[in-house]
Amino acid sequence: MNKDTTFGVRLRAIRAHRGFSQETLANNANKSVDTISNLERGISLPGYEMIIALASALAVPVSDFFPTEKEDPERAALIATIMTVVRQLPDDDLKIAVEQVISLSRR
């Protein structure tokens, strides 16, 4: 998967998890719906200012848009979703989630 597709997959996953339509994200980030659609489909890549606006509109760190290793599209979407979910958990629930993930990793 190339960097255009990776960014778009992650953006779509985070947006969907937040329950935002493309229109809602576009409004919150002061961008057009076509711009959001083109980013999600990998037709275009955002500049620095747009990445900041998208991260702010979605309330996620900029790093959530970028993979740390080569990932297939499904894995990229899953990782983006789990990162978004765990950031919203209260500390007690986060500890439980970490324990569960560690248990899964030992299988």
C-alpha atoms as a PDB file:
ATOM      1  CA  MET A   1       0.000   0.000   0.000  1.00  0.00           C
ATOM      2  CA  ASN A   2       1.386   3.405  -0.879  1.00  0.00           C
ATOM      3  CA  LYS A   3       1.399   6.441   1.390  1.00  0.00           C
ATOM      4  CA  ASP A   4      -1.577   8.016  -0.424  1.00  0.00           C
ATOM      5  CA  THR A   5      -3.765   4.994   0.298  1.00  0.00           C
ATOM      6  CA  THR A   6      -2.496   4.545   3.861  1.00  0.00           C
ATOM      7  CA  PHE A   7      -3.372   8.101   4.841  1.00  0.00           C
ATOM      8  CA  GLY A   8      -6.823   7.826   3.295  1.00  0.00           C
ATOM      9  CA  VAL A   9      -7.599   4.486   4.938  1.00  0.00           C
ATOM     10  CA  ARG A  10      -6.603   5.820   8.331  1.00  0.00           C
ATOM     11  CA  LEU A  11      -8.542   9.056   7.829  1.00  0.00           C
ATOM     12  CA  ARG A  12     -11.678   7.132   6.839  1.00  0.00           C
ATOM     13  CA  ALA A  13     -11.378   4.742   9.801  1.00  0.00           C
ATOM     14  CA  ILE A  14     -10.926   7.542  12.327  1.00  0.00           C
ATOM     15  CA  ARG A  15     -13.752   9.587  10.805  1.00  0.00           C
ATOM     16  CA  ALA A  16     -16.107   6.610  10.792  1.00  0.00           C
ATOM     17  CA  HIS A  17     -15.282   5.703  14.381  1.00  0.00           C
ATOM     18  CA  ARG A  18     -16.062   9.255  15.442  1.00  0.00           C
ATOM     19  CA  GLY A  19     -19.417   8.891  13.711  1.00  0.00           C
ATOM     20  CA  PHE A  20     -18.681  11.788  11.365  1.00  0.00           C
ATOM     21  CA  SER A  21     -19.914  11.934   7.814  1.00  0.00           C
ATOM     22  CA  GLN A  22     -17.535  13.346   5.242  1.00  0.00           C
ATOM     23  CA  GLU A  23     -19.665  16.489   5.319  1.00  0.00           C
ATOM     24  CA  THR A  24     -19.352  16.849   9.104  1.00  0.00           C
ATOM     25  CA  LEU A  25     -15.588  16.416   8.978  1.00  0.00           C
ATOM     26  CA  ALA A  26     -15.334  18.850   6.081  1.00  0.00           C
ATOM     27  CA  ASN A  27     -17.321  21.466   8.021  1.00  0.00           C
ATOM     28  CA  ASN A  28     -15.322  20.938  11.222  1.00  0.00           C
ATOM     29  CA  ALA A  29     -12.005  21.186   9.363  1.00  0.00           C
ATOM     30  CA  ASN A  30     -13.134  24.063   7.097  1.00  0.00           C
ATOM     31  CA  LYS A  31     -12.550  21.953   3.984  1.00  0.00           C
ATOM     32  CA  SER A  32     -14.800  20.802   1.166  1.00  0.00           C
ATOM     33  CA  VAL A  33     -16.483  17.408   1.038  1.00  0.00           C
ATOM     34  CA  ASP A  34     -14.656  16.774  -2.255  1.00  0.00           C
ATOM     35  CA  THR A  35     -11.342  17.396  -0.489  1.00  0.00           C
ATOM     36  CA  ILE A  36     -12.173  14.855   2.233  1.00  0.00           C
ATOM     37  CA  SER A  37     -13.358  12.338  -0.358  1.00  0.00           C
ATOM     38  CA  ASN A  38     -10.191  12.762  -2.445  1.00  0.00           C
ATOM     39  CA  LEU A  39      -8.003  12.286   0.633  1.00  0.00           C
ATOM     40  CA  GLU A  40      -9.850   9.141   1.709  1.00  0.00           C
ATOM     41  CA  ARG A  41      -9.586   7.634  -1.771  1.00  0.00           C
ATOM     42  CA  GLY A  42      -5.871   8.410  -2.023  1.00  0.00           C
ATOM     43  CA  ILE A  43      -6.358  10.784  -4.932  1.00  0.00           C
ATOM     44  CA  SER A  44      -4.570  13.572  -3.094  1.00  0.00           C
ATOM     45  CA  LEU A  45      -2.339  13.997  -0.074  1.00  0.00           C
ATOM     46  CA  PRO A  46      -2.822  16.775   2.475  1.00  0.00           C
ATOM     47  CA  GLY A  47      -0.306  19.443   3.306  1.00  0.00           C
ATOM     48  CA  TYR A  48       0.871  20.168   6.822  1.00  0.00           C
ATOM     49  CA  GLU A  49      -1.853  22.708   7.604  1.00  0.00           C
ATOM     50  CA  MET A  50      -4.589  20.362   6.392  1.00  0.00           C
ATOM     51  CA  ILE A  51      -3.226  17.495   8.504  1.00  0.00           C
ATOM     52  CA  ILE A  52      -3.332  19.754  11.554  1.00  0.00           C
ATOM     53  CA  ALA A  53      -6.909  20.836  10.721  1.00  0.00           C
ATOM     54  CA  LEU A  54      -8.049  17.223  10.261  1.00  0.00           C
ATOM     55  CA  ALA A  55      -6.398  16.067  13.489  1.00  0.00           C
ATOM     56  CA  SER A  56      -7.991  18.949  15.366  1.00  0.00           C
ATOM     57  CA  ALA A  57     -11.442  18.321  13.860  1.00  0.00           C
ATOM     58  CA  LEU A  58     -11.200  14.620  14.767  1.00  0.00           C
ATOM     59  CA  ALA A  59      -9.551  15.239  18.167  1.00  0.00           C
ATOM     60  CA  VAL A  60      -6.667  12.859  17.474  1.00  0.00           C
ATOM     61  CA  PRO A  61      -2.907  13.359  17.396  1.00  0.00           C
ATOM     62  CA  VAL A  62      -1.334  13.854  13.979  1.00  0.00           C
ATOM     63  CA  SER A  63       0.612  10.615  14.436  1.00  0.00           C
ATOM     64  CA  ASP A  64      -2.614   8.594  14.097  1.00  0.00           C
ATOM     65  CA  PHE A  65      -2.564   9.313  10.369  1.00  0.00           C
ATOM     66  CA  PHE A  66       0.839   7.766   9.766  1.00  0.00           C
ATOM     67  CA  PRO A  67       1.856   4.100   9.999  1.00  0.00           C
ATOM     68  CA  THR A  68       4.904   2.981  11.891  1.00  0.00           C
ATOM     69  CA  GLU A  69       5.416   0.003   9.592  1.00  0.00           C
ATOM     70  CA  LYS A  70       4.154  -1.332   6.282  1.00  0.00           C
ATOM     71  CA  GLU A  71       0.505  -2.201   6.682  1.00  0.00           C
ATOM     72  CA  ASP A  72      -2.168  -3.576   4.427  1.00  0.00           C
ATOM     73  CA  PRO A  73      -5.320  -1.422   4.203  1.00  0.00           C
ATOM     74  CA  GLU A  74      -7.371  -3.563   6.580  1.00  0.00           C
ATOM     75  CA  ARG A  75      -4.640  -3.544   9.229  1.00  0.00           C
ATOM     76  CA  ALA A  76      -4.200   0.228   8.861  1.00  0.00           C
ATOM     77  CA  ALA A  77      -7.906   0.781   9.433  1.00  0.00           C
ATOM     78  CA  LEU A  78      -7.975  -1.546  12.456  1.00  0.00           C
ATOM     79  CA  ILE A  79      -4.974   0.129  14.072  1.00  0.00           C
ATOM     80  CA  ALA A  80      -6.438   3.597  13.489  1.00  0.00           C
ATOM     81  CA  THR A  81      -9.734   2.497  15.020  1.00  0.00           C
ATOM     82  CA  ILE A  82      -8.170   0.907  18.096  1.00  0.00           C
ATOM     83  CA  MET A  83      -5.988   3.964  18.708  1.00  0.00           C
ATOM     84  CA  THR A  84      -9.040   6.213  18.540  1.00  0.00           C
ATOM     85  CA  VAL A  85     -11.016   3.974  20.892  1.00  0.00           C
ATOM     86  CA  VAL A  86      -8.357   3.567  23.574  1.00  0.00           C
ATOM     87  CA  ARG A  87      -7.741   7.309  23.800  1.00  0.00           C
ATOM     88  CA  GLN A  88     -11.357   7.722  24.913  1.00  0.00           C
ATOM     89  CA  LEU A  89     -11.231   5.115  27.684  1.00  0.00           C
ATOM     90  CA  PRO A  90     -11.018   6.110  31.348  1.00  0.00           C
ATOM     91  CA  ASP A  91      -7.816   4.951  33.046  1.00  0.00           C
ATOM     92  CA  ASP A  92      -9.372   1.895  34.723  1.00  0.00           C
ATOM     93  CA  ASP A  93     -10.842   0.642  31.458  1.00  0.00           C
ATOM     94  CA  LEU A  94      -7.605   1.385  29.629  1.00  0.00           C
ATOM     95  CA  LYS A  95      -5.718  -0.863  32.055  1.00  0.00           C
ATOM     96  CA  ILE A  96      -8.182  -3.675  31.331  1.00  0.00           C
ATOM     97  CA  ALA A  97      -7.852  -3.127  27.589  1.00  0.00           C
ATOM     98  CA  VAL A  98      -4.056  -3.296  27.801  1.00  0.00           C
ATOM     99  CA  GLU A  99      -4.249  -6.546  29.759  1.00  0.00           C
ATOM    100  CA  GLN A 100      -6.581  -8.008  27.143  1.00  0.00           C
ATOM    101  CA  VAL A 101      -4.343  -6.970  24.265  1.00  0.00           C
ATOM    102  CA  ILE A 102      -1.310  -8.446  26.007  1.00  0.00           C
ATOM    103  CA  SER A 103      -3.221 -11.702  26.529  1.00  0.00           C
ATOM    104  CA  LEU A 104      -4.159 -11.763  22.843  1.00  0.00           C
ATOM    105  CA  SER A 105      -0.560 -11.161  21.814  1.00  0.00           C
ATOM    106  CA  ARG A 106       0.541 -14.271  23.718  1.00  0.00           C
ATOM    107  CA  ARG A 107      -1.810 -16.571  21.759  1.00  0.00           C
END
